[in-house]
Amino acid sequence: MNRLEGRTALITGGSRGIGAAVALRLAEEGADVALTYRDAADRAADVVDQVKARGRRALAVQADSADAGALAAAVDEAAATFGRLDILVNNAAVFLTGALEDLGLPEIDRTLAVNVRAAFVASQAAVPHMSAPGGPGGQDGGGAFGGTGGGRIISIGSNVAERTPFPGLALYAMSKAALAGMTRGLARELGPRGITVNLVNPGPTDTDSNPADGPGASAVSAVTALGRYAAPAEIAAAVAHLAGPDAGYVTGATLAVDGGFTV
């Protein structure tokens, strides 16, 4: 599969879980891949090695998504290293839960900084690189991206933005729900530049921070129509579709990849 041949992508929080799966899937489809990480340098290096093993260029940049300046600089570094930036995947997130009265300002501020502000800041930084001269909508002025010629911004939300079946998730759900408004607003604003903006809402996904055999996992599986957790690769497949040429006329959309959690 070489649908993304010649394209470059940046995935925030790409050292593990869904982010790592997205990085590898985009590389398999032909993209050069940059990723950010906060402190898991060894895991980021492993993803870089796996991307290179697929014959693609790779870059890992240390940047805490709560640091707006560091994040914007990481976007610029990725674009400078690869000479362009076509795809941004806003994946980095924190999952801070608890009863309303137990969540203080530090938890609130970090959740909003990483889950909401970072997606906006990274998008701000990425758009100038996606809108370089070359024709309407971006660097190529059409062709490989299904005629749009522009870029792709894809954010990773959450199923709990649509359905919150357990207590203690209000802060996280609020932060992920904000991405839907950002997606629609940016889709309208950036459409004339040929840049599509979409949102993927994963359901329960088997990662080291949310294992399918962890405490409470059986209760979560029980409220999905398919009765199981997703593999990270299943979420990555949806992201790859939105990043590719077949999704050139999809923008402002929210795609639930949640096993029927919200039905």
Protein backbone atom coordinates (compact mmCIF):
# COMPACT_ATOMS: atom_id res chain seq x y z
CA MET A 1 0.00 0.00 0.00
CA ASN A 2 1.51 3.30 -1.10
CA ARG A 3 -1.48 5.63 -0.95
CA LEU A 4 0.58 8.10 1.08
CA GLU A 5 3.78 7.92 -0.94
CA GLY A 6 5.58 11.26 -0.78
CA ARG A 7 3.49 12.50 2.14
CA THR A 8 4.69 13.37 5.61
CA ALA A 9 2.86 13.03 8.90
CA LEU A 10 3.25 14.18 12.49
CA ILE A 11 1.58 12.28 15.31
CA THR A 12 1.55 13.86 18.75
CA GLY A 13 2.00 11.36 21.54
CA GLY A 14 3.20 8.78 19.05
CA SER A 15 5.47 6.66 21.22
CA ARG A 16 2.87 4.14 22.38
CA GLY A 17 -0.70 2.91 22.16
CA ILE A 18 -2.92 4.36 19.46
CA GLY A 19 -0.31 6.95 18.50
CA ALA A 20 2.34 4.33 17.80
CA ALA A 21 -0.13 2.23 15.83
CA VAL A 22 -1.04 5.27 13.72
CA ALA A 23 2.62 6.04 13.06
CA LEU A 24 3.28 2.51 11.83
CA ARG A 25 0.13 2.33 9.71
CA LEU A 26 0.87 5.62 7.97
CA ALA A 27 4.43 4.44 7.33
CA GLU A 28 3.11 1.21 5.85
CA GLU A 29 1.03 3.30 3.46
CA GLY A 30 4.04 5.28 2.31
CA ALA A 31 4.32 8.31 4.59
CA ASP A 32 7.40 9.63 6.32
CA VAL A 33 6.54 9.97 9.99
CA ALA A 34 7.47 12.31 12.84
CA LEU A 35 6.17 11.85 16.35
CA THR A 36 6.29 13.68 19.63
CA TYR A 37 6.75 12.13 23.03
CA ARG A 38 6.94 13.49 26.56
CA ASP A 39 9.30 11.18 28.47
CA ALA A 40 9.32 7.70 26.88
CA ALA A 41 12.43 8.24 24.78
CA ASP A 42 13.14 4.52 24.48
CA ARG A 43 9.66 3.76 23.22
CA ALA A 44 9.77 6.68 20.79
CA ALA A 45 13.10 5.40 19.46
CA ASP A 46 11.58 1.96 18.97
CA VAL A 47 8.73 3.41 16.88
CA VAL A 48 11.28 5.36 14.83
CA ASP A 49 13.22 2.16 14.19
CA GLN A 50 10.05 0.36 13.11
CA VAL A 51 9.12 3.19 10.72
CA LYS A 52 12.60 3.11 9.20
CA ALA A 53 12.35 -0.68 8.86
CA ARG A 54 9.36 -0.02 6.61
CA GLY A 55 11.56 2.08 4.34
CA ARG A 56 10.35 5.49 5.51
CA ARG A 57 12.04 8.45 7.10
CA ALA A 58 11.28 8.97 10.79
CA LEU A 59 11.82 11.57 13.48
CA ALA A 60 11.04 11.68 17.22
CA VAL A 61 10.84 15.04 18.97
CA GLN A 62 10.63 15.42 22.73
CA ALA A 63 7.79 17.82 23.54
CA ASP A 64 5.24 17.90 26.33
CA SER A 65 1.96 18.79 24.67
CA ALA A 66 1.10 20.93 27.69
CA ASP A 67 3.96 23.23 26.62
CA ALA A 68 2.49 25.20 23.72
CA GLY A 69 5.85 26.62 22.62
CA ALA A 70 7.56 23.24 22.59
CA LEU A 71 4.69 21.70 20.66
CA ALA A 72 4.66 24.40 17.99
CA ALA A 73 8.44 24.08 17.67
CA ALA A 74 8.06 20.31 17.20
CA VAL A 75 5.64 20.89 14.32
CA ASP A 76 8.08 23.28 12.68
CA GLU A 77 10.97 20.85 13.20
CA ALA A 78 9.05 18.02 11.55
CA ALA A 79 8.20 20.21 8.55
CA ALA A 80 11.79 21.44 8.25
CA THR A 81 13.24 17.94 8.50
CA PHE A 82 10.98 16.45 5.85
CA GLY A 83 10.62 19.59 3.73
CA ARG A 84 6.83 19.56 4.06
CA LEU A 85 3.98 18.53 6.35
CA ASP A 86 0.81 16.99 4.96
CA ILE A 87 -0.85 15.16 7.85
CA LEU A 88 -1.26 16.12 11.50
CA VAL A 89 -2.71 13.62 13.96
CA ASN A 90 -3.60 15.21 17.29
CA ASN A 91 -3.31 12.13 19.47
CA ALA A 92 -1.57 13.14 22.72
CA ALA A 93 -3.89 13.04 25.71
CA VAL A 94 -4.08 12.64 29.46
CA PHE A 95 -6.75 10.61 31.23
CA LEU A 96 -7.36 12.18 34.64
CA THR A 97 -10.50 10.93 36.32
CA GLY A 98 -12.21 11.31 39.67
CA ALA A 99 -15.24 12.64 41.46
CA LEU A 100 -16.10 16.28 40.88
CA GLU A 101 -14.98 17.37 44.33
CA ASP A 102 -11.68 15.51 44.06
CA LEU A 103 -10.41 17.22 40.89
CA GLY A 104 -8.37 20.34 41.55
CA LEU A 105 -7.14 23.09 39.29
CA PRO A 106 -3.90 21.26 38.43
CA GLU A 107 -5.86 18.30 37.03
CA ILE A 108 -8.31 20.57 35.22
CA ASP A 109 -5.60 22.75 33.73
CA ARG A 110 -3.42 19.86 32.55
CA THR A 111 -6.38 18.04 31.00
CA LEU A 112 -7.45 21.11 29.04
CA ALA A 113 -3.87 21.99 28.09
CA VAL A 114 -3.07 18.56 26.65
CA ASN A 115 -6.44 17.37 25.38
CA VAL A 116 -7.79 20.64 23.96
CA ARG A 117 -5.28 23.48 23.73
CA ALA A 118 -2.54 21.30 22.28
CA ALA A 119 -4.74 20.16 19.40
CA PHE A 120 -5.53 23.79 18.55
CA VAL A 121 -1.90 24.94 18.89
CA ALA A 122 -0.55 22.06 16.79
CA SER A 123 -3.15 22.78 14.12
CA GLN A 124 -2.20 26.47 14.11
CA ALA A 125 1.45 25.53 13.66
CA ALA A 126 0.78 22.91 10.99
CA VAL A 127 -1.52 24.85 8.67
CA PRO A 128 1.12 27.22 7.24
CA HIS A 129 3.16 24.19 6.19
CA MET A 130 0.09 22.59 4.61
CA SER A 131 -0.80 25.76 2.70
CA ALA A 132 2.50 26.39 0.97
CA PRO A 133 2.44 27.76 -2.59
CA GLY A 134 1.76 25.31 -5.38
CA GLY A 135 -1.85 25.80 -6.31
CA PRO A 136 -5.28 25.97 -4.66
CA GLY A 137 -5.32 24.11 -1.41
CA GLY A 138 -1.68 23.35 -0.80
CA GLN A 139 1.66 22.17 -2.00
CA ASP A 140 0.57 20.04 -4.93
CA GLY A 141 -2.50 21.86 -6.11
CA GLY A 142 -4.30 18.54 -6.48
CA GLY A 143 -3.48 15.00 -7.45
CA ALA A 144 -2.36 12.55 -4.80
CA PHE A 145 -4.88 13.67 -2.19
CA GLY A 146 -7.91 13.05 -4.30
CA GLY A 147 -7.84 16.45 -5.95
CA THR A 148 -7.76 18.55 -2.78
CA GLY A 149 -4.03 19.17 -2.86
CA GLY A 150 -4.08 20.24 0.76
CA GLY A 151 -3.46 18.65 4.11
CA ARG A 152 -5.20 16.51 6.67
CA ILE A 153 -5.82 17.30 10.33
CA ILE A 154 -7.17 14.37 12.30
CA SER A 155 -7.82 14.48 16.03
CA ILE A 156 -8.28 11.51 18.33
CA GLY A 157 -11.26 12.00 20.60
CA SER A 158 -13.07 9.46 22.74
CA ASN A 159 -16.29 7.50 22.91
CA VAL A 160 -17.02 9.03 26.32
CA ALA A 161 -17.57 12.39 24.64
CA GLU A 162 -20.82 10.87 23.36
CA ARG A 163 -21.69 8.44 26.14
CA THR A 164 -20.45 8.50 29.72
CA PRO A 165 -21.78 5.35 31.42
CA PHE A 166 -19.64 5.50 34.57
CA PRO A 167 -19.03 8.27 37.14
CA GLY A 168 -15.74 10.11 37.40
CA LEU A 169 -15.30 10.82 33.70
CA ALA A 170 -16.73 14.33 33.49
CA LEU A 171 -13.42 16.18 33.08
CA TYR A 172 -12.09 13.84 30.42
CA ALA A 173 -15.43 13.74 28.59
CA MET A 174 -15.60 17.53 28.58
CA SER A 175 -12.12 17.82 27.10
CA LYS A 176 -12.80 15.31 24.34
CA ALA A 177 -16.19 16.83 23.51
CA ALA A 178 -14.42 20.13 22.82
CA LEU A 179 -12.60 18.51 19.90
CA ALA A 180 -15.88 18.07 18.04
CA GLY A 181 -16.48 21.82 18.03
CA MET A 182 -12.89 22.50 17.01
CA THR A 183 -13.17 19.97 14.18
CA ARG A 184 -16.30 21.52 12.73
CA GLY A 185 -15.01 25.07 13.08
CA LEU A 186 -11.65 24.33 11.47
CA ALA A 187 -13.26 22.29 8.71
CA ARG A 188 -15.29 25.34 7.70
CA GLU A 189 -12.31 27.68 8.00
CA LEU A 190 -9.73 25.52 6.26
CA GLY A 191 -11.88 23.97 3.56
CA PRO A 192 -11.11 26.75 1.06
CA ARG A 193 -7.42 25.88 1.47
CA GLY A 194 -8.04 22.24 0.61
CA ILE A 195 -7.33 21.09 4.19
CA THR A 196 -9.72 18.55 5.66
CA VAL A 197 -10.31 18.32 9.41
CA ASN A 198 -11.87 15.25 11.01
CA LEU A 199 -12.27 13.54 14.36
CA VAL A 200 -11.96 9.86 15.28
CA ASN A 201 -13.66 8.76 18.49
CA PRO A 202 -12.19 5.44 19.58
CA GLY A 203 -13.99 3.12 21.92
CA PRO A 204 -12.23 1.06 24.58
CA THR A 205 -8.85 0.16 23.10
CA ASP A 206 -6.34 -2.37 24.37
CA THR A 207 -3.27 -0.34 25.36
CA ASP A 208 -0.86 -0.52 28.27
CA SER A 209 -2.77 2.29 29.99
CA ASN A 210 -6.16 0.66 29.35
CA PRO A 211 -5.59 -3.09 28.98
CA ALA A 212 -8.40 -5.32 27.80
CA ASP A 213 -7.75 -7.57 30.79
CA GLY A 214 -7.47 -4.78 33.34
CA PRO A 215 -9.74 -3.98 36.30
CA GLY A 216 -13.19 -3.04 35.11
CA ALA A 217 -12.48 -4.02 31.51
CA SER A 218 -15.19 -6.67 31.48
CA ALA A 219 -17.78 -4.08 32.49
CA VAL A 220 -16.61 -1.76 29.71
CA SER A 221 -16.69 -4.55 27.14
CA ALA A 222 -20.21 -5.40 28.25
CA VAL A 223 -21.52 -2.00 27.16
CA THR A 224 -20.13 -2.27 23.62
CA ALA A 225 -22.24 -3.89 20.92
CA LEU A 226 -19.30 -6.07 19.86
CA GLY A 227 -18.46 -7.00 23.43
CA ARG A 228 -14.72 -6.41 23.22
CA TYR A 229 -11.90 -3.90 23.19
CA ALA A 230 -10.39 -2.65 19.93
CA ALA A 231 -6.81 -3.30 18.94
CA PRO A 232 -4.86 -0.06 18.38
CA ALA A 233 -4.41 -1.08 14.74
CA GLU A 234 -8.19 -0.88 14.24
CA ILE A 235 -8.17 2.78 15.26
CA ALA A 236 -5.11 3.41 13.11
CA ALA A 237 -6.91 1.99 10.08
CA ALA A 238 -9.63 4.62 10.41
CA VAL A 239 -7.04 7.38 10.75
CA ALA A 240 -5.22 6.10 7.67
CA HIS A 241 -8.43 6.25 5.66
CA LEU A 242 -9.06 9.87 6.64
CA ALA A 243 -5.42 10.69 5.87
CA GLY A 244 -5.56 9.18 2.40
CA PRO A 245 -6.84 10.15 -1.04
CA ASP A 246 -10.14 8.30 -0.70
CA ALA A 247 -11.28 10.70 2.04
CA GLY A 248 -10.67 13.91 0.10
CA TYR A 249 -14.35 14.90 0.34
CA VAL A 250 -14.74 14.10 4.04
CA THR A 251 -14.36 17.03 6.41
CA GLY A 252 -15.94 18.19 9.65
CA ALA A 253 -16.90 14.60 10.38
CA THR A 254 -16.75 12.54 13.54
CA LEU A 255 -16.04 8.87 12.97
CA ALA A 256 -16.90 6.53 15.86
CA VAL A 257 -14.64 3.50 15.96
CA ASP A 258 -16.06 2.20 19.19
CA GLY A 259 -17.48 -1.27 18.67
CA GLY A 260 -20.99 0.09 19.09
CA PHE A 261 -20.30 1.68 22.48
CA THR A 262 -22.50 4.67 21.68
CA VAL A 263 -25.40 2.93 19.92
